Amino acid sequence: MSPKELLYIEDALGHTKQIKTVCCDLSNQLGDTELSNFVSQIAQKQQQTFDRFYGLL
């Protein structure tokens, strides 16, 4: 893997982790249960994306 490709994967990992954190925080603050569950699902999908990118290393 080239250094440029590694930097791309590291960047993608950082972005997916940040999105997951924001979604988890938002989900905990939402009063609407349905909306909170939807945002939690987005957080879970971000975790799956993180895991896939991490698997490339």
PDB file of N, CA and C in Angstrom:
ATOM      1  N   MET A   1       0.848  -1.165   0.000  1.00  0.00           N
ATOM      2  CA  MET A   1       0.000   0.000   0.000  1.00  0.00           C
ATOM      3  C   MET A   1       0.899   1.236   0.000  1.00  0.00           C
ATOM      4  N   SER A   2       0.573   2.177  -0.854  1.00  0.00           N
ATOM      5  CA  SER A   2       1.400   3.374  -0.961  1.00  0.00           C
ATOM      6  C   SER A   2       1.122   4.317   0.217  1.00  0.00           C
ATOM      7  N   PRO A   3       2.048   5.199   0.511  1.00  0.00           N
ATOM      8  CA  PRO A   3       1.821   6.180   1.589  1.00  0.00           C
ATOM      9  C   PRO A   3       0.575   7.032   1.340  1.00  0.00           C
ATOM     10  N   LYS A   4       0.326   7.369   0.089  1.00  0.00           N
ATOM     11  CA  LYS A   4      -0.852   8.174  -0.235  1.00  0.00           C
ATOM     12  C   LYS A   4      -2.137   7.401   0.062  1.00  0.00           C
ATOM     13  N   GLU A   5      -2.161   6.127  -0.272  1.00  0.00           N
ATOM     14  CA  GLU A   5      -3.333   5.294   0.012  1.00  0.00           C
ATOM     15  C   GLU A   5      -3.534   5.146   1.515  1.00  0.00           C
ATOM     16  N   LEU A   6      -2.450   4.992   2.245  1.00  0.00           N
ATOM     17  CA  LEU A   6      -2.546   4.880   3.700  1.00  0.00           C
ATOM     18  C   LEU A   6      -3.111   6.158   4.308  1.00  0.00           C
ATOM     19  N   LEU A   7      -2.670   7.302   3.816  1.00  0.00           N
ATOM     20  CA  LEU A   7      -3.197   8.574   4.309  1.00  0.00           C
ATOM     21  C   LEU A   7      -4.685   8.702   4.018  1.00  0.00           C
ATOM     22  N   TYR A   8      -5.106   8.233   2.853  1.00  0.00           N
ATOM     23  CA  TYR A   8      -6.523   8.269   2.518  1.00  0.00           C
ATOM     24  C   TYR A   8      -7.332   7.419   3.501  1.00  0.00           C
ATOM     25  N   ILE A   9      -6.861   6.231   3.789  1.00  0.00           N
ATOM     26  CA  ILE A   9      -7.574   5.339   4.711  1.00  0.00           C
ATOM     27  C   ILE A   9      -7.598   5.936   6.119  1.00  0.00           C
ATOM     28  N   GLU A  10      -6.494   6.497   6.563  1.00  0.00           N
ATOM     29  CA  GLU A  10      -6.460   7.132   7.885  1.00  0.00           C
ATOM     30  C   GLU A  10      -7.442   8.300   7.948  1.00  0.00           C
ATOM     31  N   ASP A  11      -7.515   9.070   6.880  1.00  0.00           N
ATOM     32  CA  ASP A  11      -8.447  10.191   6.814  1.00  0.00           C
ATOM     33  C   ASP A  11      -9.888   9.695   6.866  1.00  0.00           C
ATOM     34  N   ALA A  12     -10.175   8.657   6.099  1.00  0.00           N
ATOM     35  CA  ALA A  12     -11.522   8.085   6.084  1.00  0.00           C
ATOM     36  C   ALA A  12     -11.895   7.532   7.453  1.00  0.00           C
ATOM     37  N   LEU A  13     -10.944   6.894   8.133  1.00  0.00           N
ATOM     38  CA  LEU A  13     -11.205   6.388   9.484  1.00  0.00           C
ATOM     39  C   LEU A  13     -11.566   7.526  10.433  1.00  0.00           C
ATOM     40  N   GLY A  14     -10.826   8.613  10.337  1.00  0.00           N
ATOM     41  CA  GLY A  14     -11.104   9.763  11.197  1.00  0.00           C
ATOM     42  C   GLY A  14     -12.476  10.360  10.941  1.00  0.00           C
ATOM     43  N   HIS A  15     -12.848  10.455   9.668  1.00  0.00           N
ATOM     44  CA  HIS A  15     -14.155  11.012   9.327  1.00  0.00           C
ATOM     45  C   HIS A  15     -15.294  10.114   9.803  1.00  0.00           C
ATOM     46  N   THR A  16     -15.174   8.827   9.578  1.00  0.00           N
ATOM     47  CA  THR A  16     -16.250   7.925   9.992  1.00  0.00           C
ATOM     48  C   THR A  16     -16.375   7.891  11.510  1.00  0.00           C
ATOM     49  N   LYS A  17     -15.254   7.956  12.205  1.00  0.00           N
ATOM     50  CA  LYS A  17     -15.296   7.980  13.676  1.00  0.00           C
ATOM     51  C   LYS A  17     -15.968   9.254  14.168  1.00  0.00           C
ATOM     52  N   GLN A  18     -15.661  10.375  13.537  1.00  0.00           N
ATOM     53  CA  GLN A  18     -16.253  11.649  13.940  1.00  0.00           C
ATOM     54  C   GLN A  18     -17.763  11.656  13.687  1.00  0.00           C
ATOM     55  N   ILE A  19     -18.173  11.154  12.529  1.00  0.00           N
ATOM     56  CA  ILE A  19     -19.605  11.104  12.213  1.00  0.00           C
ATOM     57  C   ILE A  19     -20.332  10.211  13.203  1.00  0.00           C
ATOM     58  N   LYS A  20     -19.739   9.080  13.544  1.00  0.00           N
ATOM     59  CA  LYS A  20     -20.363   8.176  14.513  1.00  0.00           C
ATOM     60  C   LYS A  20     -20.527   8.862  15.862  1.00  0.00           C
ATOM     61  N   THR A  21     -19.499   9.564  16.307  1.00  0.00           N
ATOM     62  CA  THR A  21     -19.557  10.260  17.592  1.00  0.00           C
ATOM     63  C   THR A  21     -20.649  11.322  17.587  1.00  0.00           C
ATOM     64  N   VAL A  22     -20.732  12.090  16.518  1.00  0.00           N
ATOM     65  CA  VAL A  22     -21.758  13.138  16.411  1.00  0.00           C
ATOM     66  C   VAL A  22     -23.154  12.513  16.416  1.00  0.00           C
ATOM     67  N   CYS A  23     -23.322  11.427  15.678  1.00  0.00           N
ATOM     68  CA  CYS A  23     -24.623  10.761  15.634  1.00  0.00           C
ATOM     69  C   CYS A  23     -25.017  10.192  16.994  1.00  0.00           C
ATOM     70  N   CYS A  24     -24.078   9.598  17.693  1.00  0.00           N
ATOM     71  CA  CYS A  24     -24.375   9.056  19.026  1.00  0.00           C
ATOM     72  C   CYS A  24     -24.782  10.171  19.981  1.00  0.00           C
ATOM     73  N   ASP A  25     -24.046  11.272  19.952  1.00  0.00           N
ATOM     74  CA  ASP A  25     -24.373  12.408  20.817  1.00  0.00           C
ATOM     75  C   ASP A  25     -25.750  12.972  20.476  1.00  0.00           C
ATOM     76  N   LEU A  26     -26.025  13.136  19.187  1.00  0.00           N
ATOM     77  CA  LEU A  26     -27.303  13.672  18.747  1.00  0.00           C
ATOM     78  C   LEU A  26     -28.443  12.733  19.121  1.00  0.00           C
ATOM     79  N   SER A  27     -28.238  11.452  18.925  1.00  0.00           N
ATOM     80  CA  SER A  27     -29.271  10.468  19.258  1.00  0.00           C
ATOM     81  C   SER A  27     -29.663  10.550  20.730  1.00  0.00           C
ATOM     82  N   ASN A  28     -28.679  10.765  21.591  1.00  0.00           N
ATOM     83  CA  ASN A  28     -28.955  10.864  23.027  1.00  0.00           C
ATOM     84  C   ASN A  28     -29.695  12.149  23.393  1.00  0.00           C
ATOM     85  N   GLN A  29     -29.596  13.165  22.552  1.00  0.00           N
ATOM     86  CA  GLN A  29     -30.226  14.452  22.848  1.00  0.00           C
ATOM     87  C   GLN A  29     -31.627  14.581  22.270  1.00  0.00           C
ATOM     88  N   LEU A  30     -31.964  13.741  21.307  1.00  0.00           N
ATOM     89  CA  LEU A  30     -33.257  13.851  20.635  1.00  0.00           C
ATOM     90  C   LEU A  30     -34.385  13.344  21.521  1.00  0.00           C
ATOM     91  N   GLY A  31     -35.481  14.063  21.499  1.00  0.00           N
ATOM     92  CA  GLY A  31     -36.649  13.655  22.275  1.00  0.00           C
ATOM     93  C   GLY A  31     -37.556  12.711  21.507  1.00  0.00           C
ATOM     94  N   ASP A  32     -37.511  12.777  20.202  1.00  0.00           N
ATOM     95  CA  ASP A  32     -38.333  11.929  19.348  1.00  0.00           C
ATOM     96  C   ASP A  32     -37.673  10.562  19.230  1.00  0.00           C
ATOM     97  N   THR A  33     -38.340   9.541  19.731  1.00  0.00           N
ATOM     98  CA  THR A  33     -37.775   8.193  19.764  1.00  0.00           C
ATOM     99  C   THR A  33     -37.491   7.660  18.361  1.00  0.00           C
ATOM    100  N   GLU A  34     -38.399   7.894  17.443  1.00  0.00           N
ATOM    101  CA  GLU A  34     -38.214   7.389  16.086  1.00  0.00           C
ATOM    102  C   GLU A  34     -36.999   8.049  15.423  1.00  0.00           C
ATOM    103  N   LEU A  35     -36.872   9.339  15.587  1.00  0.00           N
ATOM    104  CA  LEU A  35     -35.734  10.056  15.021  1.00  0.00           C
ATOM    105  C   LEU A  35     -34.432   9.634  15.706  1.00  0.00           C
ATOM    106  N   SER A  36     -34.491   9.450  17.007  1.00  0.00           N
ATOM    107  CA  SER A  36     -33.322   9.004  17.761  1.00  0.00           C
ATOM    108  C   SER A  36     -32.852   7.634  17.283  1.00  0.00           C
ATOM    109  N   ASN A  37     -33.794   6.730  17.047  1.00  0.00           N
ATOM    110  CA  ASN A  37     -33.449   5.395  16.541  1.00  0.00           C
ATOM    111  C   ASN A  37     -32.837   5.474  15.148  1.00  0.00           C
ATOM    112  N   PHE A  38     -33.380   6.368  14.312  1.00  0.00           N
ATOM    113  CA  PHE A  38     -32.851   6.536  12.963  1.00  0.00           C
ATOM    114  C   PHE A  38     -31.397   7.010  13.013  1.00  0.00           C
ATOM    115  N   VAL A  39     -31.128   7.990  13.852  1.00  0.00           N
ATOM    116  CA  VAL A  39     -29.766   8.518  13.972  1.00  0.00           C
ATOM    117  C   VAL A  39     -28.836   7.456  14.570  1.00  0.00           C
ATOM    118  N   SER A  40     -29.344   6.631  15.471  1.00  0.00           N
ATOM    119  CA  SER A  40     -28.550   5.531  16.024  1.00  0.00           C
ATOM    120  C   SER A  40     -28.173   4.530  14.933  1.00  0.00           C
ATOM    121  N   GLN A  41     -29.090   4.292  14.007  1.00  0.00           N
ATOM    122  CA  GLN A  41     -28.798   3.391  12.893  1.00  0.00           C
ATOM    123  C   GLN A  41     -27.698   3.963  12.003  1.00  0.00           C
ATOM    124  N   ILE A  42     -27.723   5.264  11.806  1.00  0.00           N
ATOM    125  CA  ILE A  42     -26.659   5.905  11.031  1.00  0.00           C
ATOM    126  C   ILE A  42     -25.326   5.712  11.743  1.00  0.00           C
ATOM    127  N   ALA A  43     -25.325   5.864  13.067  1.00  0.00           N
ATOM    128  CA  ALA A  43     -24.097   5.656  13.838  1.00  0.00           C
ATOM    129  C   ALA A  43     -23.591   4.224  13.681  1.00  0.00           C
ATOM    130  N   GLN A  44     -24.496   3.263  13.688  1.00  0.00           N
ATOM    131  CA  GLN A  44     -24.103   1.867  13.513  1.00  0.00           C
ATOM    132  C   GLN A  44     -23.508   1.621  12.125  1.00  0.00           C
ATOM    133  N   LYS A  45     -24.095   2.242  11.111  1.00  0.00           N
ATOM    134  CA  LYS A  45     -23.566   2.092   9.750  1.00  0.00           C
ATOM    135  C   LYS A  45     -22.186   2.732   9.643  1.00  0.00           C
ATOM    136  N   GLN A  46     -21.969   3.825  10.353  1.00  0.00           N
ATOM    137  CA  GLN A  46     -20.651   4.449  10.354  1.00  0.00           C
ATOM    138  C   GLN A  46     -19.625   3.530  11.012  1.00  0.00           C
ATOM    139  N   GLN A  47     -20.048   2.820  12.060  1.00  0.00           N
ATOM    140  CA  GLN A  47     -19.148   1.868  12.705  1.00  0.00           C
ATOM    141  C   GLN A  47     -18.783   0.741  11.739  1.00  0.00           C
ATOM    142  N   GLN A  48     -19.766   0.279  10.966  1.00  0.00           N
ATOM    143  CA  GLN A  48     -19.496  -0.760   9.975  1.00  0.00           C
ATOM    144  C   GLN A  48     -18.524  -0.253   8.915  1.00  0.00           C
ATOM    145  N   THR A  49     -18.717   0.989   8.496  1.00  0.00           N
ATOM    146  CA  THR A  49     -17.805   1.583   7.513  1.00  0.00           C
ATOM    147  C   THR A  49     -16.407   1.693   8.089  1.00  0.00           C
ATOM    148  N   PHE A  50     -16.310   2.118   9.355  1.00  0.00           N
ATOM    149  CA  PHE A  50     -15.020   2.214  10.031  1.00  0.00           C
ATOM    150  C   PHE A  50     -14.337   0.846  10.048  1.00  0.00           C
ATOM    151  N   ASP A  51     -15.096  -0.172  10.414  1.00  0.00           N
ATOM    152  CA  ASP A  51     -14.547  -1.524  10.485  1.00  0.00           C
ATOM    153  C   ASP A  51     -14.021  -2.004   9.125  1.00  0.00           C
ATOM    154  N   ARG A  52     -14.748  -1.659   8.059  1.00  0.00           N
ATOM    155  CA  ARG A  52     -14.319  -2.049   6.710  1.00  0.00           C
ATOM    156  C   ARG A  52     -13.019  -1.345   6.330  1.00  0.00           C
ATOM    157  N   PHE A  53     -12.959  -0.058   6.586  1.00  0.00           N
ATOM    158  CA  PHE A  53     -11.726   0.682   6.278  1.00  0.00           C
ATOM    159  C   PHE A  53     -10.559   0.166   7.122  1.00  0.00           C
ATOM    160  N   TYR A  54     -10.824  -0.106   8.395  1.00  0.00           N
ATOM    161  CA  TYR A  54      -9.787  -0.599   9.282  1.00  0.00           C
ATOM    162  C   TYR A  54      -9.272  -1.955   8.803  1.00  0.00           C
ATOM    163  N   GLY A  55     -10.187  -2.736   8.238  1.00  0.00           N
ATOM    164  CA  GLY A  55      -9.811  -4.054   7.715  1.00  0.00           C
ATOM    165  C   GLY A  55      -8.849  -3.971   6.534  1.00  0.00           C
ATOM    166  N   LEU A  56      -8.774  -2.816   5.893  1.00  0.00           N
ATOM    167  CA  LEU A  56      -7.846  -2.655   4.775  1.00  0.00           C
ATOM    168  C   LEU A  56      -6.396  -2.509   5.241  1.00  0.00           C
ATOM    169  N   LEU A  57      -6.229  -2.165   6.508  1.00  0.00           N
ATOM    170  CA  LEU A  57      -4.871  -1.975   7.019  1.00  0.00           C
ATOM    171  C   LEU A  57      -4.259  -3.276   7.303  1.00  0.00           C
TER     172      LEU A  57
END
